[in-house]
Protein backbone atom coordinates (compact mmCIF):
# COMPACT_ATOMS: atom_id res chain seq x y z
CA UNK A 1 0.00 0.00 0.00
CA UNK A 2 1.14 3.56 -0.75
CA UNK A 3 2.60 5.04 2.46
CA UNK A 4 0.52 8.19 1.87
CA UNK A 5 -2.61 6.03 2.16
CA UNK A 6 -1.74 4.17 5.35
CA UNK A 7 -3.79 5.29 8.36
CA UNK A 8 -1.79 7.26 10.91
CA UNK A 9 -1.63 5.95 14.47
CA UNK A 10 -3.04 8.10 17.28
CA UNK A 11 0.54 8.99 18.26
CA UNK A 12 1.41 10.04 14.71
CA UNK A 13 -1.75 12.14 14.51
CA UNK A 14 -0.88 13.92 17.77
CA UNK A 15 2.66 14.59 16.48
CA UNK A 16 1.32 16.05 13.22
CA UNK A 17 -1.21 18.19 15.09
CA UNK A 18 1.75 19.80 16.87
CA UNK A 19 2.71 21.22 13.45
CA UNK A 20 -0.86 22.38 12.68
CA UNK A 21 -1.99 25.01 15.20
CA UNK A 22 -5.75 25.20 15.54
CA UNK A 23 -6.34 21.76 13.99
CA UNK A 24 -7.73 18.84 15.97
CA UNK A 25 -8.64 15.20 15.48
CA UNK A 26 -12.34 14.66 16.01
CA UNK A 27 -12.97 10.95 15.66
CA UNK A 28 -11.57 9.99 12.27
CA UNK A 29 -11.52 13.57 10.95
CA UNK A 30 -8.84 16.21 10.92
CA UNK A 31 -10.71 19.49 11.61
CA UNK A 32 -10.22 23.25 11.80
CA UNK A 33 -12.54 26.26 11.90
CA UNK A 34 -11.55 29.69 10.67
CA UNK A 35 -13.16 33.08 11.30
CA UNK A 36 -13.01 36.08 8.96
CA UNK A 37 -13.94 39.77 8.95
CA UNK A 38 -16.78 39.11 6.50
CA UNK A 39 -18.26 36.76 3.96
CA UNK A 40 -16.11 37.60 0.93
CA UNK A 41 -12.75 36.64 2.51
CA UNK A 42 -14.27 33.34 3.70
CA UNK A 43 -15.66 32.58 0.23
CA UNK A 44 -12.35 33.53 -1.40
CA UNK A 45 -10.52 31.07 0.83
CA UNK A 46 -12.95 28.31 -0.25
CA UNK A 47 -11.99 28.95 -3.89
CA UNK A 48 -8.28 28.92 -3.02
CA UNK A 49 -8.70 25.63 -1.11
CA UNK A 50 -10.58 24.18 -4.11
CA UNK A 51 -7.56 24.96 -6.32
CA UNK A 52 -5.21 23.21 -3.87
CA UNK A 53 -7.53 20.20 -3.61
CA UNK A 54 -7.63 19.81 -7.38
CA UNK A 55 -3.84 20.02 -7.52
CA UNK A 56 -3.48 17.34 -4.82
CA UNK A 57 -6.39 15.18 -6.00
CA UNK A 58 -7.58 15.09 -2.40
CA UNK A 59 -10.63 16.89 -1.04
CA UNK A 60 -11.97 18.08 2.32
CA UNK A 61 -15.50 18.83 3.43
CA UNK A 62 -15.85 22.62 3.51
CA UNK A 63 -18.71 24.34 5.33
CA UNK A 64 -19.01 28.04 4.54
CA UNK A 65 -20.90 30.40 6.83
CA UNK A 66 -21.18 34.18 6.73
CA UNK A 67 -17.78 34.85 8.30
CA UNK A 68 -16.53 31.38 9.06
CA UNK A 69 -15.26 28.28 7.33
CA UNK A 70 -15.09 24.78 8.78
CA UNK A 71 -12.75 22.20 7.22
CA UNK A 72 -12.94 18.45 7.90
CA UNK A 73 -10.83 15.90 6.06
CA UNK A 74 -10.02 12.20 6.05
CA UNK A 75 -9.19 9.64 3.39
CA UNK A 76 -12.38 8.01 2.13
CA UNK A 77 -10.62 5.38 0.02
CA UNK A 78 -9.29 3.59 3.12
CA UNK A 79 -12.48 3.73 5.16
CA UNK A 80 -12.40 7.32 6.35
CA UNK A 81 -9.16 7.32 8.35
CA UNK A 82 -6.59 10.10 8.78
CA UNK A 83 -3.52 9.70 6.54
CA UNK A 84 -0.50 11.70 5.38
CA UNK A 85 -2.69 13.02 2.54
CA UNK A 86 -4.95 14.71 5.08
CA UNK A 87 -2.06 16.20 7.03
CA UNK A 88 -0.56 17.48 3.77
CA UNK A 89 -3.81 19.13 2.72
CA UNK A 90 -4.22 20.67 6.18
CA UNK A 91 -0.69 22.06 5.97
CA UNK A 92 -1.35 23.62 2.57
CA UNK A 93 -4.57 25.19 3.89
CA UNK A 94 -2.68 26.63 6.87
CA UNK A 95 -0.11 28.16 4.49
CA UNK A 96 -2.80 30.27 2.74
CA UNK A 97 -5.05 31.08 5.72
CA UNK A 98 -3.30 34.23 6.93
CA UNK A 99 -3.37 35.80 3.46
CA UNK A 100 -7.17 35.52 3.56
CA UNK A 101 -7.37 37.14 6.99
CA UNK A 102 -8.35 33.87 8.64
CA UNK A 103 -8.01 33.60 12.38
C-alpha atoms as a PDB file:
ATOM      1  CA  UNK A   1       0.000   0.000   0.000  1.00  0.00           C
ATOM      2  CA  UNK A   2       1.136   3.557  -0.748  1.00  0.00           C
ATOM      3  CA  UNK A   3       2.604   5.041   2.462  1.00  0.00           C
ATOM      4  CA  UNK A   4       0.520   8.191   1.874  1.00  0.00           C
ATOM      5  CA  UNK A   5      -2.612   6.033   2.155  1.00  0.00           C
ATOM      6  CA  UNK A   6      -1.735   4.171   5.351  1.00  0.00           C
ATOM      7  CA  UNK A   7      -3.790   5.290   8.361  1.00  0.00           C
ATOM      8  CA  UNK A   8      -1.793   7.256  10.906  1.00  0.00           C
ATOM      9  CA  UNK A   9      -1.626   5.950  14.466  1.00  0.00           C
ATOM     10  CA  UNK A  10      -3.039   8.095  17.279  1.00  0.00           C
ATOM     11  CA  UNK A  11       0.537   8.986  18.261  1.00  0.00           C
ATOM     12  CA  UNK A  12       1.413  10.036  14.706  1.00  0.00           C
ATOM     13  CA  UNK A  13      -1.755  12.141  14.508  1.00  0.00           C
ATOM     14  CA  UNK A  14      -0.880  13.919  17.772  1.00  0.00           C
ATOM     15  CA  UNK A  15       2.656  14.589  16.479  1.00  0.00           C
ATOM     16  CA  UNK A  16       1.320  16.046  13.216  1.00  0.00           C
ATOM     17  CA  UNK A  17      -1.210  18.191  15.093  1.00  0.00           C
ATOM     18  CA  UNK A  18       1.754  19.803  16.866  1.00  0.00           C
ATOM     19  CA  UNK A  19       2.706  21.218  13.450  1.00  0.00           C
ATOM     20  CA  UNK A  20      -0.858  22.376  12.681  1.00  0.00           C
ATOM     21  CA  UNK A  21      -1.987  25.009  15.199  1.00  0.00           C
ATOM     22  CA  UNK A  22      -5.751  25.195  15.537  1.00  0.00           C
ATOM     23  CA  UNK A  23      -6.344  21.762  13.988  1.00  0.00           C
ATOM     24  CA  UNK A  24      -7.728  18.842  15.973  1.00  0.00           C
ATOM     25  CA  UNK A  25      -8.635  15.200  15.483  1.00  0.00           C
ATOM     26  CA  UNK A  26     -12.341  14.659  16.006  1.00  0.00           C
ATOM     27  CA  UNK A  27     -12.968  10.952  15.664  1.00  0.00           C
ATOM     28  CA  UNK A  28     -11.572   9.994  12.272  1.00  0.00           C
ATOM     29  CA  UNK A  29     -11.523  13.573  10.947  1.00  0.00           C
ATOM     30  CA  UNK A  30      -8.836  16.213  10.924  1.00  0.00           C
ATOM     31  CA  UNK A  31     -10.708  19.495  11.613  1.00  0.00           C
ATOM     32  CA  UNK A  32     -10.216  23.254  11.798  1.00  0.00           C
ATOM     33  CA  UNK A  33     -12.538  26.257  11.899  1.00  0.00           C
ATOM     34  CA  UNK A  34     -11.546  29.690  10.669  1.00  0.00           C
ATOM     35  CA  UNK A  35     -13.165  33.082  11.295  1.00  0.00           C
ATOM     36  CA  UNK A  36     -13.012  36.081   8.961  1.00  0.00           C
ATOM     37  CA  UNK A  37     -13.943  39.774   8.946  1.00  0.00           C
ATOM     38  CA  UNK A  38     -16.784  39.114   6.504  1.00  0.00           C
ATOM     39  CA  UNK A  39     -18.265  36.759   3.962  1.00  0.00           C
ATOM     40  CA  UNK A  40     -16.111  37.598   0.931  1.00  0.00           C
ATOM     41  CA  UNK A  41     -12.746  36.635   2.506  1.00  0.00           C
ATOM     42  CA  UNK A  42     -14.274  33.339   3.699  1.00  0.00           C
ATOM     43  CA  UNK A  43     -15.658  32.580   0.229  1.00  0.00           C
ATOM     44  CA  UNK A  44     -12.349  33.534  -1.403  1.00  0.00           C
ATOM     45  CA  UNK A  45     -10.524  31.073   0.830  1.00  0.00           C
ATOM     46  CA  UNK A  46     -12.948  28.314  -0.250  1.00  0.00           C
ATOM     47  CA  UNK A  47     -11.987  28.949  -3.885  1.00  0.00           C
ATOM     48  CA  UNK A  48      -8.279  28.921  -3.018  1.00  0.00           C
ATOM     49  CA  UNK A  49      -8.702  25.629  -1.115  1.00  0.00           C
ATOM     50  CA  UNK A  50     -10.576  24.182  -4.106  1.00  0.00           C
ATOM     51  CA  UNK A  51      -7.563  24.959  -6.316  1.00  0.00           C
ATOM     52  CA  UNK A  52      -5.212  23.209  -3.867  1.00  0.00           C
ATOM     53  CA  UNK A  53      -7.533  20.204  -3.606  1.00  0.00           C
ATOM     54  CA  UNK A  54      -7.633  19.811  -7.379  1.00  0.00           C
ATOM     55  CA  UNK A  55      -3.838  20.015  -7.523  1.00  0.00           C
ATOM     56  CA  UNK A  56      -3.481  17.340  -4.819  1.00  0.00           C
ATOM     57  CA  UNK A  57      -6.386  15.184  -6.004  1.00  0.00           C
ATOM     58  CA  UNK A  58      -7.577  15.090  -2.396  1.00  0.00           C
ATOM     59  CA  UNK A  59     -10.629  16.894  -1.036  1.00  0.00           C
ATOM     60  CA  UNK A  60     -11.966  18.075   2.316  1.00  0.00           C
ATOM     61  CA  UNK A  61     -15.502  18.832   3.434  1.00  0.00           C
ATOM     62  CA  UNK A  62     -15.848  22.619   3.512  1.00  0.00           C
ATOM     63  CA  UNK A  63     -18.705  24.340   5.331  1.00  0.00           C
ATOM     64  CA  UNK A  64     -19.011  28.042   4.540  1.00  0.00           C
ATOM     65  CA  UNK A  65     -20.899  30.400   6.834  1.00  0.00           C
ATOM     66  CA  UNK A  66     -21.182  34.183   6.732  1.00  0.00           C
ATOM     67  CA  UNK A  67     -17.776  34.851   8.296  1.00  0.00           C
ATOM     68  CA  UNK A  68     -16.526  31.376   9.056  1.00  0.00           C
ATOM     69  CA  UNK A  69     -15.257  28.276   7.333  1.00  0.00           C
ATOM     70  CA  UNK A  70     -15.087  24.776   8.776  1.00  0.00           C
ATOM     71  CA  UNK A  71     -12.745  22.200   7.221  1.00  0.00           C
ATOM     72  CA  UNK A  72     -12.942  18.452   7.897  1.00  0.00           C
ATOM     73  CA  UNK A  73     -10.828  15.898   6.060  1.00  0.00           C
ATOM     74  CA  UNK A  74     -10.020  12.203   6.049  1.00  0.00           C
ATOM     75  CA  UNK A  75      -9.186   9.645   3.386  1.00  0.00           C
ATOM     76  CA  UNK A  76     -12.381   8.008   2.129  1.00  0.00           C
ATOM     77  CA  UNK A  77     -10.617   5.380   0.019  1.00  0.00           C
ATOM     78  CA  UNK A  78      -9.294   3.591   3.116  1.00  0.00           C
ATOM     79  CA  UNK A  79     -12.476   3.726   5.158  1.00  0.00           C
ATOM     80  CA  UNK A  80     -12.402   7.325   6.345  1.00  0.00           C
ATOM     81  CA  UNK A  81      -9.159   7.317   8.354  1.00  0.00           C
ATOM     82  CA  UNK A  82      -6.593  10.103   8.780  1.00  0.00           C
ATOM     83  CA  UNK A  83      -3.523   9.700   6.540  1.00  0.00           C
ATOM     84  CA  UNK A  84      -0.500  11.698   5.382  1.00  0.00           C
ATOM     85  CA  UNK A  85      -2.689  13.016   2.536  1.00  0.00           C
ATOM     86  CA  UNK A  86      -4.954  14.713   5.083  1.00  0.00           C
ATOM     87  CA  UNK A  87      -2.058  16.202   7.032  1.00  0.00           C
ATOM     88  CA  UNK A  88      -0.559  17.478   3.774  1.00  0.00           C
ATOM     89  CA  UNK A  89      -3.807  19.134   2.724  1.00  0.00           C
ATOM     90  CA  UNK A  90      -4.224  20.675   6.183  1.00  0.00           C
ATOM     91  CA  UNK A  91      -0.692  22.065   5.969  1.00  0.00           C
ATOM     92  CA  UNK A  92      -1.352  23.622   2.569  1.00  0.00           C
ATOM     93  CA  UNK A  93      -4.570  25.187   3.892  1.00  0.00           C
ATOM     94  CA  UNK A  94      -2.680  26.633   6.868  1.00  0.00           C
ATOM     95  CA  UNK A  95      -0.115  28.158   4.488  1.00  0.00           C
ATOM     96  CA  UNK A  96      -2.798  30.269   2.741  1.00  0.00           C
ATOM     97  CA  UNK A  97      -5.047  31.079   5.718  1.00  0.00           C
ATOM     98  CA  UNK A  98      -3.301  34.233   6.932  1.00  0.00           C
ATOM     99  CA  UNK A  99      -3.367  35.799   3.460  1.00  0.00           C
ATOM    100  CA  UNK A 100      -7.174  35.519   3.563  1.00  0.00           C
ATOM    101  CA  UNK A 101      -7.372  37.141   6.987  1.00  0.00           C
ATOM    102  CA  UNK A 102      -8.349  33.867   8.643  1.00  0.00           C
ATOM    103  CA  UNK A 103      -8.008  33.599  12.383  1.00  0.00           C
END
